[in-house]
């Protein structure tokens, strides 16, 4: 699984003009299941992200996790994280998990992150989504499991 994590002051996702998910201070997580991924990768990524120390402590150092600050997470599926740009100018996405498996693992990941104690809201798998965010820092981190 691949994830692009952004520390945010707030983020929201809208589908067809309706806001369907949001978070205040916390994380925007763009997530993509790759071909061959399974629950083990989702479990590992959820546990790692919940404890990732990218929030400032009293001394201003990145030393606190989303759990430590009582923050939330907005989890949005994004198959384009599987983009292969090694040939030509049009990205290929053949390394992404098939849609049914991608959706299952996306939902599973969100459930596992919530099980870690992080309040989670989600986007809508496969929808044309509009994501708004105020990146805090900015802090943006790429992760794979």
N, C-alpha and C. Protein backbone atom coordinates (compact mmCIF):
# COMPACT_ATOMS: atom_id res chain seq x y z
N UNK A 1 0.84 -1.18 0.00
CA UNK A 1 0.00 0.00 0.00
C UNK A 1 0.88 1.23 0.00
N UNK A 2 0.39 2.24 -0.64
CA UNK A 2 1.08 3.53 -0.66
C UNK A 2 0.19 4.56 -0.02
N UNK A 3 0.82 5.47 0.72
CA UNK A 3 0.07 6.56 1.35
C UNK A 3 0.86 7.85 1.23
N UNK A 4 0.14 8.91 0.98
CA UNK A 4 0.69 10.25 1.04
C UNK A 4 -0.01 10.92 2.21
N UNK A 5 0.75 11.27 3.24
CA UNK A 5 0.20 11.80 4.48
C UNK A 5 0.52 13.28 4.56
N UNK A 6 -0.49 14.08 4.85
CA UNK A 6 -0.29 15.51 5.02
C UNK A 6 -0.81 15.92 6.39
N UNK A 7 0.04 16.64 7.12
CA UNK A 7 -0.41 17.22 8.40
C UNK A 7 -1.25 18.43 8.05
N UNK A 8 -2.48 18.46 8.55
CA UNK A 8 -3.40 19.53 8.16
C UNK A 8 -4.00 20.23 9.37
N UNK A 9 -4.32 21.51 9.16
CA UNK A 9 -5.12 22.25 10.14
C UNK A 9 -6.57 21.83 9.99
N UNK A 10 -6.97 21.57 8.72
CA UNK A 10 -8.29 21.00 8.44
C UNK A 10 -8.30 20.50 7.00
N UNK A 11 -9.20 19.57 6.72
CA UNK A 11 -9.36 19.04 5.37
C UNK A 11 -10.78 18.53 5.22
N UNK A 12 -11.26 18.56 3.96
CA UNK A 12 -12.60 18.05 3.68
C UNK A 12 -12.63 17.46 2.28
N UNK A 13 -13.61 16.61 2.05
CA UNK A 13 -13.82 16.02 0.73
C UNK A 13 -15.29 16.19 0.36
N UNK A 14 -15.49 16.61 -0.88
CA UNK A 14 -16.83 16.88 -1.39
C UNK A 14 -17.08 16.03 -2.64
N UNK A 15 -18.29 15.48 -2.74
CA UNK A 15 -18.72 14.72 -3.91
C UNK A 15 -20.04 15.30 -4.38
N UNK A 16 -20.08 15.71 -5.64
CA UNK A 16 -21.29 16.29 -6.24
C UNK A 16 -21.86 17.43 -5.39
N UNK A 17 -20.97 18.28 -4.90
CA UNK A 17 -21.37 19.46 -4.14
C UNK A 17 -21.71 19.21 -2.68
N UNK A 18 -21.63 17.95 -2.23
CA UNK A 18 -21.95 17.62 -0.83
C UNK A 18 -20.69 17.21 -0.08
N UNK A 19 -20.43 17.87 1.06
CA UNK A 19 -19.29 17.51 1.89
C UNK A 19 -19.59 16.17 2.56
N UNK A 20 -18.74 15.17 2.29
CA UNK A 20 -19.01 13.84 2.83
C UNK A 20 -18.02 13.42 3.91
N UNK A 21 -16.93 14.15 4.08
CA UNK A 21 -15.95 13.82 5.09
C UNK A 21 -15.09 15.03 5.40
N UNK A 22 -14.61 15.08 6.64
CA UNK A 22 -13.76 16.20 7.04
C UNK A 22 -12.99 15.85 8.30
N UNK A 23 -11.97 16.62 8.56
CA UNK A 23 -11.24 16.52 9.82
C UNK A 23 -10.75 17.91 10.19
N UNK A 24 -10.61 18.12 11.48
CA UNK A 24 -9.96 19.33 11.98
C UNK A 24 -8.47 19.05 12.01
N UNK A 25 -7.77 19.55 13.01
CA UNK A 25 -6.33 19.27 13.08
C UNK A 25 -6.06 17.77 13.04
N UNK A 26 -5.15 17.38 12.19
CA UNK A 26 -4.83 15.96 12.07
C UNK A 26 -4.18 15.65 10.75
N UNK A 27 -4.67 14.60 10.09
CA UNK A 27 -4.04 14.07 8.89
C UNK A 27 -5.01 13.95 7.74
N UNK A 28 -4.54 14.29 6.55
CA UNK A 28 -5.19 13.91 5.32
C UNK A 28 -4.34 12.77 4.78
N UNK A 29 -4.97 11.62 4.56
CA UNK A 29 -4.24 10.44 4.09
C UNK A 29 -4.80 10.03 2.73
N UNK A 30 -3.99 10.18 1.70
CA UNK A 30 -4.33 9.70 0.37
C UNK A 30 -3.75 8.30 0.27
N UNK A 31 -4.58 7.31 -0.06
CA UNK A 31 -4.17 5.91 0.05
C UNK A 31 -4.44 5.16 -1.24
N UNK A 32 -3.52 4.24 -1.59
CA UNK A 32 -3.66 3.43 -2.79
C UNK A 32 -3.21 2.00 -2.49
N UNK A 33 -4.06 1.05 -2.83
CA UNK A 33 -3.68 -0.36 -2.72
C UNK A 33 -3.01 -0.78 -4.02
N UNK A 34 -1.90 -1.45 -3.87
CA UNK A 34 -1.15 -1.92 -5.03
C UNK A 34 -1.49 -3.38 -5.28
N UNK A 35 -1.30 -3.84 -6.52
CA UNK A 35 -1.53 -5.24 -6.85
C UNK A 35 -0.72 -6.11 -5.89
N UNK A 36 -1.35 -7.12 -5.32
CA UNK A 36 -0.67 -8.02 -4.41
C UNK A 36 -0.74 -7.62 -2.95
N UNK A 37 -1.24 -6.42 -2.66
CA UNK A 37 -1.39 -5.99 -1.27
C UNK A 37 -2.48 -6.80 -0.58
N UNK A 38 -2.37 -6.87 0.73
CA UNK A 38 -3.37 -7.55 1.53
C UNK A 38 -3.56 -6.84 2.86
N UNK A 39 -4.26 -7.48 3.74
CA UNK A 39 -4.56 -6.89 5.03
C UNK A 39 -3.30 -6.63 5.85
N UNK A 40 -2.27 -7.43 5.68
CA UNK A 40 -1.04 -7.23 6.46
C UNK A 40 -0.43 -5.86 6.16
N UNK A 41 -0.43 -5.45 4.91
CA UNK A 41 0.11 -4.13 4.55
C UNK A 41 -0.76 -3.02 5.13
N UNK A 42 -2.07 -3.18 5.08
CA UNK A 42 -2.98 -2.18 5.64
C UNK A 42 -2.80 -2.07 7.16
N UNK A 43 -2.66 -3.21 7.83
CA UNK A 43 -2.45 -3.21 9.28
C UNK A 43 -1.17 -2.47 9.65
N UNK A 44 -0.10 -2.78 8.94
CA UNK A 44 1.20 -2.16 9.21
C UNK A 44 1.14 -0.65 8.99
N UNK A 45 0.55 -0.24 7.88
CA UNK A 45 0.47 1.18 7.56
C UNK A 45 -0.41 1.92 8.57
N UNK A 46 -1.53 1.36 8.95
CA UNK A 46 -2.43 2.01 9.91
C UNK A 46 -1.73 2.20 11.26
N UNK A 47 -1.04 1.18 11.73
CA UNK A 47 -0.34 1.28 13.01
C UNK A 47 0.78 2.31 12.94
N UNK A 48 1.53 2.31 11.85
CA UNK A 48 2.65 3.25 11.69
C UNK A 48 2.15 4.70 11.61
N UNK A 49 1.10 4.94 10.83
CA UNK A 49 0.59 6.29 10.67
C UNK A 49 0.00 6.81 11.97
N UNK A 50 -0.70 5.98 12.71
CA UNK A 50 -1.31 6.41 13.98
C UNK A 50 -0.25 6.90 14.97
N UNK A 51 0.96 6.35 14.87
CA UNK A 51 2.02 6.69 15.81
C UNK A 51 3.12 7.58 15.23
N UNK A 52 2.94 7.99 13.97
CA UNK A 52 3.93 8.82 13.28
C UNK A 52 4.04 10.18 13.98
N UNK A 53 5.22 10.50 14.46
CA UNK A 53 5.41 11.73 15.26
C UNK A 53 5.77 12.90 14.36
N UNK A 54 4.72 13.57 13.88
CA UNK A 54 4.93 14.71 12.97
C UNK A 54 4.23 15.98 13.46
N UNK A 55 3.74 15.96 14.69
CA UNK A 55 3.10 17.14 15.27
C UNK A 55 4.03 17.73 16.32
N UNK A 56 4.00 19.05 16.45
CA UNK A 56 4.91 19.75 17.34
C UNK A 56 4.57 19.50 18.81
N UNK A 57 5.64 19.37 19.60
CA UNK A 57 5.48 19.31 21.06
C UNK A 57 5.65 20.72 21.63
N UNK A 58 5.74 20.82 22.94
CA UNK A 58 5.85 22.13 23.60
C UNK A 58 7.11 22.88 23.20
N UNK A 59 8.14 22.15 22.81
CA UNK A 59 9.41 22.77 22.39
C UNK A 59 9.43 23.09 20.90
N UNK A 60 8.34 22.80 20.20
CA UNK A 60 8.28 23.09 18.77
C UNK A 60 8.90 22.02 17.89
N UNK A 61 9.24 20.86 18.47
CA UNK A 61 9.84 19.76 17.70
C UNK A 61 8.75 18.78 17.28
N UNK A 62 8.92 18.18 16.11
CA UNK A 62 7.98 17.16 15.66
C UNK A 62 8.19 15.91 16.52
N UNK A 63 7.36 15.77 17.54
CA UNK A 63 7.56 14.71 18.52
C UNK A 63 6.24 14.10 18.99
N UNK A 64 5.11 14.51 18.38
CA UNK A 64 3.81 14.01 18.82
C UNK A 64 3.07 13.38 17.64
N UNK A 65 2.27 12.37 17.94
CA UNK A 65 1.49 11.69 16.91
C UNK A 65 0.08 12.27 16.85
N UNK A 66 -0.68 11.85 15.86
CA UNK A 66 -2.07 12.28 15.77
C UNK A 66 -2.84 11.81 17.00
N UNK A 67 -2.47 10.66 17.54
CA UNK A 67 -3.10 10.17 18.77
C UNK A 67 -2.77 11.09 19.93
N UNK A 68 -1.50 11.52 20.02
CA UNK A 68 -1.06 12.39 21.12
C UNK A 68 -1.80 13.72 21.13
N UNK A 69 -2.14 14.24 19.95
CA UNK A 69 -2.79 15.55 19.90
C UNK A 69 -4.32 15.46 19.90
N UNK A 70 -4.84 14.23 19.88
CA UNK A 70 -6.28 14.05 19.81
C UNK A 70 -6.85 14.46 18.47
N UNK A 71 -6.05 14.33 17.41
CA UNK A 71 -6.48 14.73 16.07
C UNK A 71 -7.23 13.63 15.36
N UNK A 72 -7.71 13.95 14.17
CA UNK A 72 -8.45 13.00 13.36
C UNK A 72 -7.76 12.77 12.03
N UNK A 73 -8.39 11.94 11.21
CA UNK A 73 -7.85 11.65 9.89
C UNK A 73 -8.97 11.62 8.86
N UNK A 74 -8.68 12.19 7.71
CA UNK A 74 -9.54 12.07 6.55
C UNK A 74 -8.81 11.16 5.58
N UNK A 75 -9.40 10.00 5.28
CA UNK A 75 -8.79 9.00 4.42
C UNK A 75 -9.48 9.02 3.06
N UNK A 76 -8.69 9.27 2.01
CA UNK A 76 -9.23 9.41 0.66
C UNK A 76 -8.51 8.44 -0.27
N UNK A 77 -9.27 7.64 -1.00
CA UNK A 77 -8.67 6.70 -1.96
C UNK A 77 -8.09 7.49 -3.13
N UNK A 78 -6.91 7.08 -3.58
CA UNK A 78 -6.28 7.76 -4.71
C UNK A 78 -5.42 6.78 -5.48
N UNK A 79 -6.04 6.13 -6.49
CA UNK A 79 -5.31 5.13 -7.27
C UNK A 79 -4.16 5.74 -8.05
N UNK A 80 -4.17 7.05 -8.26
CA UNK A 80 -3.09 7.66 -9.04
C UNK A 80 -1.74 7.62 -8.31
N UNK A 81 -1.74 7.24 -7.04
CA UNK A 81 -0.46 7.04 -6.35
C UNK A 81 0.30 5.85 -6.94
N UNK A 82 -0.39 5.04 -7.74
CA UNK A 82 0.26 3.89 -8.39
C UNK A 82 0.84 4.27 -9.75
N UNK A 83 0.82 5.54 -10.09
CA UNK A 83 1.25 5.98 -11.42
C UNK A 83 2.67 5.53 -11.76
N UNK A 84 2.80 4.97 -12.95
CA UNK A 84 4.10 4.62 -13.50
C UNK A 84 4.37 5.62 -14.63
N UNK A 85 5.38 6.44 -14.44
CA UNK A 85 5.72 7.48 -15.43
C UNK A 85 7.04 7.18 -16.13
N UNK A 86 7.46 5.92 -16.08
CA UNK A 86 8.77 5.58 -16.65
C UNK A 86 8.78 5.55 -18.17
N UNK A 87 7.60 5.43 -18.81
CA UNK A 87 7.55 5.39 -20.27
C UNK A 87 6.58 6.46 -20.76
N UNK A 88 7.05 7.32 -21.57
CA UNK A 88 6.18 8.31 -22.19
C UNK A 88 5.69 9.36 -21.21
N UNK A 89 4.66 10.09 -21.66
CA UNK A 89 4.13 11.19 -20.87
C UNK A 89 2.77 10.90 -20.25
N UNK A 90 2.22 9.75 -20.55
CA UNK A 90 0.93 9.38 -19.98
C UNK A 90 1.17 8.31 -18.92
N UNK A 91 0.80 8.58 -17.66
CA UNK A 91 1.05 7.59 -16.61
C UNK A 91 0.23 6.32 -16.82
N UNK A 92 0.82 5.21 -16.42
CA UNK A 92 0.12 3.92 -16.41
C UNK A 92 -0.23 3.55 -14.98
N UNK A 93 -1.31 2.81 -14.81
CA UNK A 93 -1.78 2.47 -13.47
C UNK A 93 -1.94 0.97 -13.28
N UNK A 94 -1.24 0.18 -14.07
CA UNK A 94 -1.40 -1.28 -14.02
C UNK A 94 -0.91 -1.89 -12.72
N UNK A 95 -0.13 -1.16 -11.94
CA UNK A 95 0.36 -1.71 -10.67
C UNK A 95 -0.62 -1.49 -9.51
N UNK A 96 -1.70 -0.76 -9.76
CA UNK A 96 -2.73 -0.58 -8.72
C UNK A 96 -3.52 -1.87 -8.58
N UNK A 97 -4.05 -2.10 -7.40
CA UNK A 97 -4.91 -3.26 -7.17
C UNK A 97 -6.16 -3.13 -8.04
N UNK A 98 -6.76 -4.24 -8.44
CA UNK A 98 -8.03 -4.16 -9.17
C UNK A 98 -9.07 -3.41 -8.32
N UNK A 99 -10.01 -2.72 -8.95
CA UNK A 99 -10.94 -1.87 -8.20
C UNK A 99 -11.63 -2.53 -7.01
N UNK A 100 -12.16 -3.72 -7.17
CA UNK A 100 -12.88 -4.37 -6.06
C UNK A 100 -11.95 -4.60 -4.87
N UNK A 101 -10.74 -5.06 -5.15
CA UNK A 101 -9.77 -5.31 -4.07
C UNK A 101 -9.27 -3.99 -3.50
N UNK A 102 -9.06 -3.00 -4.37
CA UNK A 102 -8.64 -1.68 -3.89
C UNK A 102 -9.66 -1.09 -2.94
N UNK A 103 -10.93 -1.19 -3.28
CA UNK A 103 -11.98 -0.65 -2.41
C UNK A 103 -12.05 -1.40 -1.09
N UNK A 104 -11.94 -2.73 -1.15
CA UNK A 104 -11.97 -3.52 0.09
C UNK A 104 -10.83 -3.13 1.02
N UNK A 105 -9.62 -3.00 0.47
CA UNK A 105 -8.47 -2.66 1.30
C UNK A 105 -8.52 -1.22 1.78
N UNK A 106 -9.08 -0.33 0.99
CA UNK A 106 -9.27 1.06 1.40
C UNK A 106 -10.18 1.12 2.63
N UNK A 107 -11.30 0.44 2.56
CA UNK A 107 -12.22 0.41 3.70
C UNK A 107 -11.58 -0.28 4.91
N UNK A 108 -10.86 -1.36 4.64
CA UNK A 108 -10.17 -2.08 5.72
C UNK A 108 -9.14 -1.18 6.41
N UNK A 109 -8.35 -0.46 5.60
CA UNK A 109 -7.35 0.45 6.17
C UNK A 109 -8.02 1.48 7.08
N UNK A 110 -9.09 2.11 6.60
CA UNK A 110 -9.79 3.13 7.40
C UNK A 110 -10.30 2.53 8.71
N UNK A 111 -10.81 1.31 8.66
CA UNK A 111 -11.29 0.64 9.86
C UNK A 111 -10.14 0.35 10.83
N UNK A 112 -9.01 -0.08 10.28
CA UNK A 112 -7.85 -0.38 11.13
C UNK A 112 -7.26 0.88 11.75
N UNK A 113 -7.26 1.98 11.02
CA UNK A 113 -6.77 3.24 11.58
C UNK A 113 -7.69 3.69 12.72
N UNK A 114 -8.98 3.56 12.52
CA UNK A 114 -9.95 3.90 13.58
C UNK A 114 -9.75 2.98 14.79
N UNK A 115 -9.42 1.72 14.56
CA UNK A 115 -9.19 0.78 15.65
C UNK A 115 -7.96 1.17 16.47
N UNK A 116 -7.04 1.94 15.87
CA UNK A 116 -5.87 2.43 16.59
C UNK A 116 -6.24 3.58 17.53
N UNK A 117 -7.47 4.10 17.38
CA UNK A 117 -7.92 5.19 18.23
C UNK A 117 -8.01 6.53 17.55
N UNK A 118 -7.79 6.55 16.24
CA UNK A 118 -7.85 7.80 15.48
C UNK A 118 -9.26 7.97 14.92
N UNK A 119 -9.94 9.09 15.21
CA UNK A 119 -11.24 9.33 14.57
C UNK A 119 -11.04 9.47 13.05
N UNK A 120 -11.80 8.71 12.27
CA UNK A 120 -11.59 8.63 10.83
C UNK A 120 -12.88 8.98 10.09
N UNK A 121 -12.73 9.82 9.08
CA UNK A 121 -13.78 10.03 8.09
C UNK A 121 -13.15 9.71 6.74
N UNK A 122 -14.01 9.40 5.75
CA UNK A 122 -13.49 8.94 4.46
C UNK A 122 -14.14 9.68 3.30
N UNK A 123 -13.49 9.52 2.16
CA UNK A 123 -14.06 9.96 0.91
C UNK A 123 -14.95 8.85 0.36
N UNK A 124 -15.20 8.86 -0.93
CA UNK A 124 -16.03 7.86 -1.58
C UNK A 124 -15.20 7.19 -2.67
N UNK A 125 -14.94 5.92 -2.51
CA UNK A 125 -14.09 5.19 -3.45
C UNK A 125 -14.64 5.31 -4.87
N UNK A 126 -13.76 5.65 -5.80
CA UNK A 126 -14.11 5.71 -7.21
C UNK A 126 -14.87 6.94 -7.65
N UNK A 127 -15.20 7.82 -6.71
CA UNK A 127 -15.96 9.03 -7.07
C UNK A 127 -15.03 10.13 -7.54
N UNK A 128 -15.60 11.10 -8.24
CA UNK A 128 -14.88 12.32 -8.58
C UNK A 128 -14.97 13.22 -7.36
N UNK A 129 -13.89 13.30 -6.60
CA UNK A 129 -13.89 14.02 -5.32
C UNK A 129 -13.13 15.32 -5.44
N UNK A 130 -13.58 16.29 -4.68
CA UNK A 130 -12.88 17.56 -4.52
C UNK A 130 -12.36 17.58 -3.09
N UNK A 131 -11.04 17.66 -2.96
CA UNK A 131 -10.41 17.65 -1.65
C UNK A 131 -9.86 19.04 -1.35
N UNK A 132 -10.25 19.57 -0.21
CA UNK A 132 -9.75 20.87 0.23
C UNK A 132 -8.95 20.65 1.50
N UNK A 133 -7.84 21.38 1.64
CA UNK A 133 -7.03 21.22 2.83
C UNK A 133 -6.22 22.47 3.09
N UNK A 134 -5.88 22.63 4.35
CA UNK A 134 -4.90 23.63 4.75
C UNK A 134 -3.74 22.85 5.34
N UNK A 135 -2.69 22.67 4.53
CA UNK A 135 -1.51 21.90 4.95
C UNK A 135 -0.82 22.69 6.05
N UNK A 136 -0.48 22.01 7.12
CA UNK A 136 0.14 22.63 8.29
C UNK A 136 1.63 22.35 8.26
N UNK A 137 2.43 23.36 8.01
CA UNK A 137 3.89 23.18 8.03
C UNK A 137 4.57 23.84 6.85
N UNK A 138 4.44 23.34 5.66
CA UNK A 138 3.75 22.12 5.28
C UNK A 138 4.54 20.87 5.66
N UNK A 139 3.80 19.83 6.01
CA UNK A 139 4.40 18.52 6.28
C UNK A 139 3.68 17.51 5.40
N UNK A 140 4.42 16.90 4.50
CA UNK A 140 3.89 15.88 3.59
C UNK A 140 4.86 14.73 3.55
N UNK A 141 4.37 13.51 3.81
CA UNK A 141 5.24 12.34 3.92
C UNK A 141 4.68 11.20 3.08
N UNK A 142 5.56 10.55 2.32
CA UNK A 142 5.24 9.41 1.49
C UNK A 142 5.58 8.15 2.27
N UNK A 143 4.66 7.17 2.30
CA UNK A 143 4.93 5.91 3.00
C UNK A 143 4.46 4.73 2.14
N UNK A 144 5.13 3.60 2.32
CA UNK A 144 4.74 2.35 1.68
C UNK A 144 4.85 1.23 2.68
N UNK A 145 3.97 0.26 2.53
CA UNK A 145 4.05 -0.95 3.37
C UNK A 145 3.80 -2.16 2.50
